[in-house]
């Protein structure tokens, strides 16, 4: 198949409905580049609510570098949900973070003491670096 695969000129009728509803209910503080209303995604292909297919050049906002629905990622998510969904390691200790730090310690080159910080944004990482 060749991508993009456009069934109806975007935004299609279903997407227009969702965009209008969003404008009515959601703060306009988000900057949307175009009216894509996502329905499903597999690998690097996005399908909108009107059936148009696109290549995800955004990688799910840089968090899906393995592609959407990667089997190993899905399995890891299922295993984690069976343990617990989320717990802040900033409040209590979390074994998997310690295990990850240990693995990174072995991978990072250099003969010096290494400590690791995990953040979810550049701003959070910069703030932590300033505090150090």
N, C-alpha and C. Protein backbone atom coordinates (compact mmCIF):
# COMPACT_ATOMS: atom_id res chain seq x y z
N UNK A 1 0.84 -1.19 0.00
CA UNK A 1 0.00 0.00 0.00
C UNK A 1 0.88 1.24 0.00
N UNK A 2 0.39 2.29 -0.58
CA UNK A 2 1.10 3.55 -0.68
C UNK A 2 0.51 4.55 0.33
N UNK A 3 1.38 5.26 1.03
CA UNK A 3 0.92 6.22 2.03
C UNK A 3 1.41 7.61 1.70
N UNK A 4 0.62 8.64 2.00
CA UNK A 4 -0.67 8.56 2.67
C UNK A 4 -1.75 7.97 1.77
N UNK A 5 -2.76 7.41 2.39
CA UNK A 5 -3.91 6.85 1.68
C UNK A 5 -5.13 7.66 2.11
N UNK A 6 -5.52 8.61 1.27
CA UNK A 6 -6.59 9.55 1.62
C UNK A 6 -7.91 9.11 1.00
N UNK A 7 -8.88 8.81 1.85
CA UNK A 7 -10.22 8.39 1.41
C UNK A 7 -11.13 9.60 1.17
N UNK A 8 -11.05 10.58 2.09
CA UNK A 8 -11.81 11.83 1.97
C UNK A 8 -10.87 12.98 2.27
N UNK A 9 -11.11 14.12 1.65
CA UNK A 9 -10.25 15.28 1.88
C UNK A 9 -10.28 15.67 3.35
N UNK A 10 -9.12 15.70 4.00
CA UNK A 10 -9.07 16.08 5.42
C UNK A 10 -9.36 17.56 5.62
N UNK A 11 -10.00 17.95 6.68
CA UNK A 11 -10.62 17.03 7.63
C UNK A 11 -11.94 16.50 7.07
N UNK A 12 -12.14 15.20 7.23
CA UNK A 12 -13.37 14.59 6.76
C UNK A 12 -14.54 14.95 7.66
N UNK A 13 -15.73 14.47 7.33
CA UNK A 13 -16.92 14.84 8.10
C UNK A 13 -16.86 14.41 9.57
N UNK A 14 -16.35 13.22 9.85
CA UNK A 14 -16.25 12.78 11.24
C UNK A 14 -15.22 13.62 12.00
N UNK A 15 -14.09 13.88 11.37
CA UNK A 15 -13.07 14.70 12.01
C UNK A 15 -13.61 16.09 12.31
N UNK A 16 -14.35 16.67 11.36
CA UNK A 16 -14.92 18.01 11.57
C UNK A 16 -15.81 18.04 12.80
N UNK A 17 -16.62 16.98 12.99
CA UNK A 17 -17.49 16.91 14.17
C UNK A 17 -16.66 16.95 15.45
N UNK A 18 -15.59 16.15 15.49
CA UNK A 18 -14.75 16.10 16.70
C UNK A 18 -14.00 17.40 16.91
N UNK A 19 -13.52 18.01 15.85
CA UNK A 19 -12.81 19.29 15.97
C UNK A 19 -13.76 20.36 16.50
N UNK A 20 -14.98 20.39 15.99
CA UNK A 20 -15.97 21.37 16.47
C UNK A 20 -16.29 21.14 17.95
N UNK A 21 -16.45 19.87 18.33
CA UNK A 21 -16.75 19.55 19.73
C UNK A 21 -15.57 19.95 20.62
N UNK A 22 -14.36 19.72 20.15
CA UNK A 22 -13.16 20.11 20.90
C UNK A 22 -13.14 21.62 21.12
N UNK A 23 -13.42 22.37 20.05
CA UNK A 23 -13.42 23.84 20.15
C UNK A 23 -14.45 24.33 21.16
N UNK A 24 -15.55 23.59 21.28
CA UNK A 24 -16.61 23.96 22.21
C UNK A 24 -16.22 23.65 23.66
N UNK A 25 -15.44 22.57 23.89
CA UNK A 25 -15.23 22.06 25.24
C UNK A 25 -13.81 22.21 25.79
N UNK A 26 -12.81 22.33 24.93
CA UNK A 26 -11.42 22.27 25.38
C UNK A 26 -10.77 23.64 25.23
N UNK A 27 -9.90 23.96 26.17
CA UNK A 27 -9.18 25.24 26.14
C UNK A 27 -8.45 25.41 24.81
N UNK A 28 -8.45 26.62 24.26
CA UNK A 28 -7.75 26.86 22.99
C UNK A 28 -6.23 27.03 23.17
N UNK A 29 -5.71 26.71 24.34
CA UNK A 29 -4.29 26.92 24.59
C UNK A 29 -3.39 25.91 23.89
N UNK A 30 -3.96 24.83 23.38
CA UNK A 30 -3.17 23.86 22.62
C UNK A 30 -3.00 24.34 21.19
N UNK A 31 -1.80 24.24 20.66
CA UNK A 31 -1.57 24.61 19.27
C UNK A 31 -1.62 23.38 18.39
N UNK A 32 -2.68 23.19 17.67
CA UNK A 32 -2.82 22.03 16.78
C UNK A 32 -2.38 22.44 15.39
N UNK A 33 -1.49 21.67 14.78
CA UNK A 33 -0.98 22.00 13.45
C UNK A 33 -2.00 21.72 12.35
N UNK A 34 -2.80 20.68 12.55
CA UNK A 34 -3.79 20.30 11.54
C UNK A 34 -4.88 19.48 12.22
N UNK A 35 -6.05 19.35 11.61
CA UNK A 35 -7.19 18.71 12.25
C UNK A 35 -7.21 17.18 12.10
N UNK A 36 -6.16 16.53 12.56
CA UNK A 36 -6.11 15.06 12.54
C UNK A 36 -6.78 14.53 13.80
N UNK A 37 -7.79 13.69 13.64
CA UNK A 37 -8.46 13.04 14.76
C UNK A 37 -8.16 11.55 14.64
N UNK A 38 -7.27 11.08 15.49
CA UNK A 38 -6.76 9.71 15.41
C UNK A 38 -7.79 8.69 15.88
N UNK A 39 -7.91 7.60 15.13
CA UNK A 39 -8.78 6.48 15.49
C UNK A 39 -7.93 5.30 15.95
N UNK A 40 -6.95 4.89 15.11
CA UNK A 40 -6.07 3.77 15.45
C UNK A 40 -4.67 4.05 14.91
N UNK A 41 -3.73 3.25 15.39
CA UNK A 41 -2.36 3.34 14.89
C UNK A 41 -1.72 1.96 15.00
N UNK A 42 -0.92 1.63 14.00
CA UNK A 42 -0.20 0.35 13.99
C UNK A 42 1.14 0.58 13.31
N UNK A 43 2.22 0.24 14.00
CA UNK A 43 3.54 0.51 13.45
C UNK A 43 3.71 2.01 13.28
N UNK A 44 4.01 2.44 12.08
CA UNK A 44 4.17 3.87 11.82
C UNK A 44 2.98 4.45 11.05
N UNK A 45 1.87 3.71 10.99
CA UNK A 45 0.70 4.16 10.23
C UNK A 45 -0.43 4.59 11.17
N UNK A 46 -0.92 5.81 10.94
CA UNK A 46 -2.05 6.36 11.68
C UNK A 46 -3.29 6.29 10.80
N UNK A 47 -4.42 5.96 11.40
CA UNK A 47 -5.70 6.00 10.69
C UNK A 47 -6.62 6.96 11.42
N UNK A 48 -7.14 7.95 10.69
CA UNK A 48 -8.03 8.92 11.33
C UNK A 48 -9.47 8.40 11.35
N UNK A 49 -10.36 9.17 11.97
CA UNK A 49 -11.75 8.74 12.14
C UNK A 49 -12.51 8.61 10.83
N UNK A 50 -11.97 9.16 9.76
CA UNK A 50 -12.60 9.06 8.44
C UNK A 50 -11.95 8.00 7.56
N UNK A 51 -10.99 7.24 8.10
CA UNK A 51 -10.36 6.18 7.33
C UNK A 51 -9.13 6.59 6.55
N UNK A 52 -8.72 7.84 6.64
CA UNK A 52 -7.48 8.28 5.99
C UNK A 52 -6.29 7.70 6.73
N UNK A 53 -5.26 7.31 5.98
CA UNK A 53 -4.06 6.73 6.59
C UNK A 53 -2.86 7.62 6.30
N UNK A 54 -2.05 7.81 7.33
CA UNK A 54 -0.87 8.67 7.24
C UNK A 54 0.33 7.96 7.84
N UNK A 55 1.52 8.39 7.45
CA UNK A 55 2.74 7.93 8.11
C UNK A 55 2.95 8.83 9.32
N UNK A 56 3.18 8.22 10.47
CA UNK A 56 3.38 8.98 11.70
C UNK A 56 4.80 9.53 11.75
N UNK A 57 4.98 10.71 11.22
CA UNK A 57 6.30 11.35 11.22
C UNK A 57 6.59 12.02 12.56
N UNK A 58 5.66 11.93 13.48
CA UNK A 58 5.78 12.54 14.79
C UNK A 58 6.15 11.52 15.86
N UNK A 59 6.13 10.24 15.51
CA UNK A 59 6.43 9.14 16.43
C UNK A 59 5.61 9.24 17.70
N UNK A 60 4.33 9.56 17.55
CA UNK A 60 3.47 9.68 18.73
C UNK A 60 4.00 10.73 19.69
N UNK A 61 4.50 11.82 19.16
CA UNK A 61 5.15 12.90 19.91
C UNK A 61 6.43 12.37 20.57
N UNK A 62 7.18 11.63 19.79
CA UNK A 62 8.51 11.15 20.17
C UNK A 62 8.51 10.06 21.23
N UNK A 63 7.36 9.48 21.54
CA UNK A 63 7.34 8.42 22.54
C UNK A 63 7.07 7.04 21.94
N UNK A 64 6.93 6.96 20.64
CA UNK A 64 6.64 5.68 19.97
C UNK A 64 7.72 5.36 18.94
N UNK A 65 8.96 5.44 19.33
CA UNK A 65 10.03 5.20 18.37
C UNK A 65 10.06 3.75 17.90
N UNK A 66 9.41 2.85 18.63
CA UNK A 66 9.31 1.46 18.19
C UNK A 66 8.09 1.24 17.32
N UNK A 67 7.29 2.28 17.12
CA UNK A 67 6.05 2.16 16.37
C UNK A 67 4.89 1.87 17.30
N UNK A 68 3.70 2.16 16.84
CA UNK A 68 2.50 1.90 17.64
C UNK A 68 2.21 0.41 17.63
N UNK A 69 1.90 -0.13 18.81
CA UNK A 69 1.49 -1.53 18.91
C UNK A 69 2.61 -2.54 18.80
N UNK A 70 3.86 -2.13 19.05
CA UNK A 70 4.97 -3.08 18.97
C UNK A 70 4.73 -4.21 19.97
N UNK A 71 4.85 -5.47 19.53
CA UNK A 71 4.51 -6.61 20.40
C UNK A 71 5.29 -6.63 21.72
N UNK A 72 6.56 -6.30 21.71
CA UNK A 72 7.33 -6.32 22.96
C UNK A 72 6.89 -5.22 23.91
N UNK A 73 6.55 -4.07 23.37
CA UNK A 73 6.06 -2.96 24.20
C UNK A 73 4.70 -3.32 24.78
N UNK A 74 3.81 -3.89 23.96
CA UNK A 74 2.49 -4.30 24.45
C UNK A 74 2.62 -5.34 25.55
N UNK A 75 3.53 -6.29 25.39
CA UNK A 75 3.72 -7.32 26.41
C UNK A 75 4.25 -6.71 27.70
N UNK A 76 5.19 -5.79 27.59
CA UNK A 76 5.73 -5.14 28.79
C UNK A 76 4.64 -4.35 29.52
N UNK A 77 3.78 -3.69 28.76
CA UNK A 77 2.67 -2.94 29.37
C UNK A 77 1.72 -3.89 30.10
N UNK A 78 1.38 -5.01 29.46
CA UNK A 78 0.49 -5.98 30.09
C UNK A 78 1.10 -6.52 31.37
N UNK A 79 2.39 -6.83 31.35
CA UNK A 79 3.06 -7.35 32.55
C UNK A 79 3.07 -6.30 33.66
N UNK A 80 3.31 -5.05 33.30
CA UNK A 80 3.33 -3.99 34.31
C UNK A 80 1.95 -3.77 34.91
N UNK A 81 0.91 -3.78 34.10
CA UNK A 81 -0.45 -3.58 34.60
C UNK A 81 -0.82 -4.68 35.59
N UNK A 82 -0.32 -5.89 35.37
CA UNK A 82 -0.59 -6.98 36.31
C UNK A 82 0.06 -6.72 37.67
N UNK A 83 1.16 -5.95 37.70
CA UNK A 83 1.81 -5.60 38.97
C UNK A 83 1.12 -4.38 39.59
N UNK A 84 1.18 -3.27 38.90
CA UNK A 84 0.51 -2.02 39.26
C UNK A 84 0.66 -1.08 38.08
N UNK A 85 -0.22 -0.08 37.97
CA UNK A 85 -0.21 0.80 36.81
C UNK A 85 0.85 1.89 36.93
N UNK A 86 0.87 2.59 38.05
CA UNK A 86 1.83 3.69 38.19
C UNK A 86 2.10 3.91 39.67
N UNK A 87 3.33 4.24 39.95
CA UNK A 87 3.70 4.61 41.31
C UNK A 87 4.88 5.54 41.22
N UNK A 88 4.84 6.64 41.92
CA UNK A 88 5.88 7.64 41.80
C UNK A 88 7.14 7.22 42.55
N UNK A 89 8.22 7.07 41.83
CA UNK A 89 9.49 6.71 42.48
C UNK A 89 10.07 7.88 43.24
N UNK A 90 9.49 9.07 43.09
CA UNK A 90 9.99 10.22 43.86
C UNK A 90 9.48 10.18 45.30
N UNK A 91 8.47 9.38 45.58
CA UNK A 91 7.92 9.27 46.93
C UNK A 91 8.40 8.04 47.68
N UNK A 92 8.60 6.93 46.96
CA UNK A 92 9.04 5.69 47.57
C UNK A 92 10.00 4.98 46.62
N UNK A 93 10.63 3.94 47.08
CA UNK A 93 11.60 3.21 46.26
C UNK A 93 10.89 2.26 45.31
N UNK A 94 11.48 2.09 44.14
CA UNK A 94 10.86 1.29 43.09
C UNK A 94 11.95 0.43 42.46
N UNK A 95 11.84 -0.88 42.64
CA UNK A 95 12.86 -1.83 42.22
C UNK A 95 13.25 -1.70 40.75
N UNK A 96 12.30 -1.53 39.86
CA UNK A 96 12.62 -1.47 38.43
C UNK A 96 13.49 -0.27 38.08
N UNK A 97 13.30 0.86 38.77
CA UNK A 97 14.15 2.03 38.53
C UNK A 97 15.58 1.75 38.98
N UNK A 98 15.71 1.04 40.09
CA UNK A 98 17.04 0.68 40.58
C UNK A 98 17.70 -0.29 39.61
N UNK A 99 16.94 -1.27 39.13
CA UNK A 99 17.48 -2.22 38.14
C UNK A 99 17.90 -1.51 36.86
N UNK A 100 17.10 -0.55 36.39
CA UNK A 100 17.45 0.21 35.19
C UNK A 100 18.73 1.01 35.42
N UNK A 101 18.83 1.64 36.57
CA UNK A 101 20.04 2.41 36.89
C UNK A 101 21.27 1.52 36.93
N UNK A 102 21.12 0.33 37.45
CA UNK A 102 22.23 -0.62 37.49
C UNK A 102 22.66 -1.01 36.08
N UNK A 103 21.69 -1.27 35.21
CA UNK A 103 22.01 -1.62 33.82
C UNK A 103 22.68 -0.46 33.10
N UNK A 104 22.17 0.76 33.31
CA UNK A 104 22.78 1.94 32.69
C UNK A 104 24.19 2.18 33.22
N UNK A 105 24.38 1.91 34.49
CA UNK A 105 25.70 2.08 35.10
C UNK A 105 26.74 1.24 34.37
N UNK A 106 26.34 0.05 33.97
CA UNK A 106 27.26 -0.83 33.24
C UNK A 106 27.50 -0.35 31.81
N UNK A 107 26.50 0.29 31.22
CA UNK A 107 26.61 0.72 29.82
C UNK A 107 27.34 2.05 29.64
N UNK A 108 27.18 2.95 30.58
CA UNK A 108 27.77 4.29 30.45
C UNK A 108 29.28 4.18 30.62
N UNK A 109 30.05 4.67 29.65
CA UNK A 109 31.51 4.56 29.76
C UNK A 109 32.08 5.50 30.82
N UNK A 110 33.26 5.17 31.28
CA UNK A 110 33.96 6.03 32.23
C UNK A 110 34.10 5.38 33.58
N UNK A 111 35.21 5.69 34.24
CA UNK A 111 35.49 5.14 35.56
C UNK A 111 35.26 6.22 36.60
N UNK A 112 34.01 6.50 36.89
CA UNK A 112 33.65 7.50 37.88
C UNK A 112 32.28 7.12 38.45
N UNK A 113 31.94 7.73 39.58
CA UNK A 113 30.66 7.45 40.21
C UNK A 113 29.53 8.00 39.33
N UNK A 114 28.55 7.17 39.05
CA UNK A 114 27.45 7.55 38.16
C UNK A 114 26.13 7.49 38.92
N UNK A 115 25.32 8.52 38.74
CA UNK A 115 23.96 8.53 39.29
C UNK A 115 23.02 8.92 38.17
N UNK A 116 21.79 8.46 38.26
CA UNK A 116 20.84 8.65 37.17
C UNK A 116 19.59 9.37 37.65
N UNK A 117 19.06 10.20 36.77
CA UNK A 117 17.81 10.92 37.02
C UNK A 117 16.88 10.63 35.86
N UNK A 118 15.65 10.31 36.18
CA UNK A 118 14.66 10.04 35.14
C UNK A 118 13.59 11.14 35.20
N UNK A 119 13.41 11.83 34.11
CA UNK A 119 12.41 12.89 34.05
C UNK A 119 11.48 12.67 32.87
N UNK A 120 10.38 13.40 32.88
CA UNK A 120 9.44 13.25 31.77
C UNK A 120 9.39 14.48 30.88
N UNK A 121 10.30 15.43 31.11
CA UNK A 121 10.32 16.60 30.24
C UNK A 121 11.69 17.27 30.34
N UNK A 122 11.98 18.08 29.35
CA UNK A 122 13.23 18.84 29.38
C UNK A 122 13.25 19.81 30.55
N UNK A 123 12.12 20.45 30.81
CA UNK A 123 12.05 21.41 31.92
C UNK A 123 12.34 20.73 33.25
N UNK A 124 11.76 19.57 33.44
CA UNK A 124 11.98 18.82 34.68
C UNK A 124 13.45 18.41 34.81
N UNK A 125 14.06 18.00 33.72
CA UNK A 125 15.47 17.60 33.74
C UNK A 125 16.38 18.78 34.03
N UNK A 126 16.10 19.93 33.43
CA UNK A 126 16.92 21.12 33.68
C UNK A 126 16.78 21.56 35.13
N UNK A 127 15.57 21.54 35.66
CA UNK A 127 15.35 21.91 37.05
C UNK A 127 16.15 21.00 37.98
N UNK A 128 16.13 19.70 37.71
CA UNK A 128 16.88 18.74 38.53
C UNK A 128 18.38 19.00 38.43
N UNK A 129 18.87 19.30 37.23
CA UNK A 129 20.30 19.58 37.05
C UNK A 129 20.71 20.82 37.83
N UNK A 130 19.87 21.84 37.85
CA UNK A 130 20.18 23.06 38.60
C UNK A 130 20.24 22.75 40.09
N UNK A 131 19.36 21.89 40.58
CA UNK A 131 19.34 21.54 42.00
C UNK A 131 20.57 20.75 42.42
N UNK A 132 21.19 20.04 41.48
CA UNK A 132 22.38 19.26 41.80
C UNK A 132 23.52 20.22 42.01
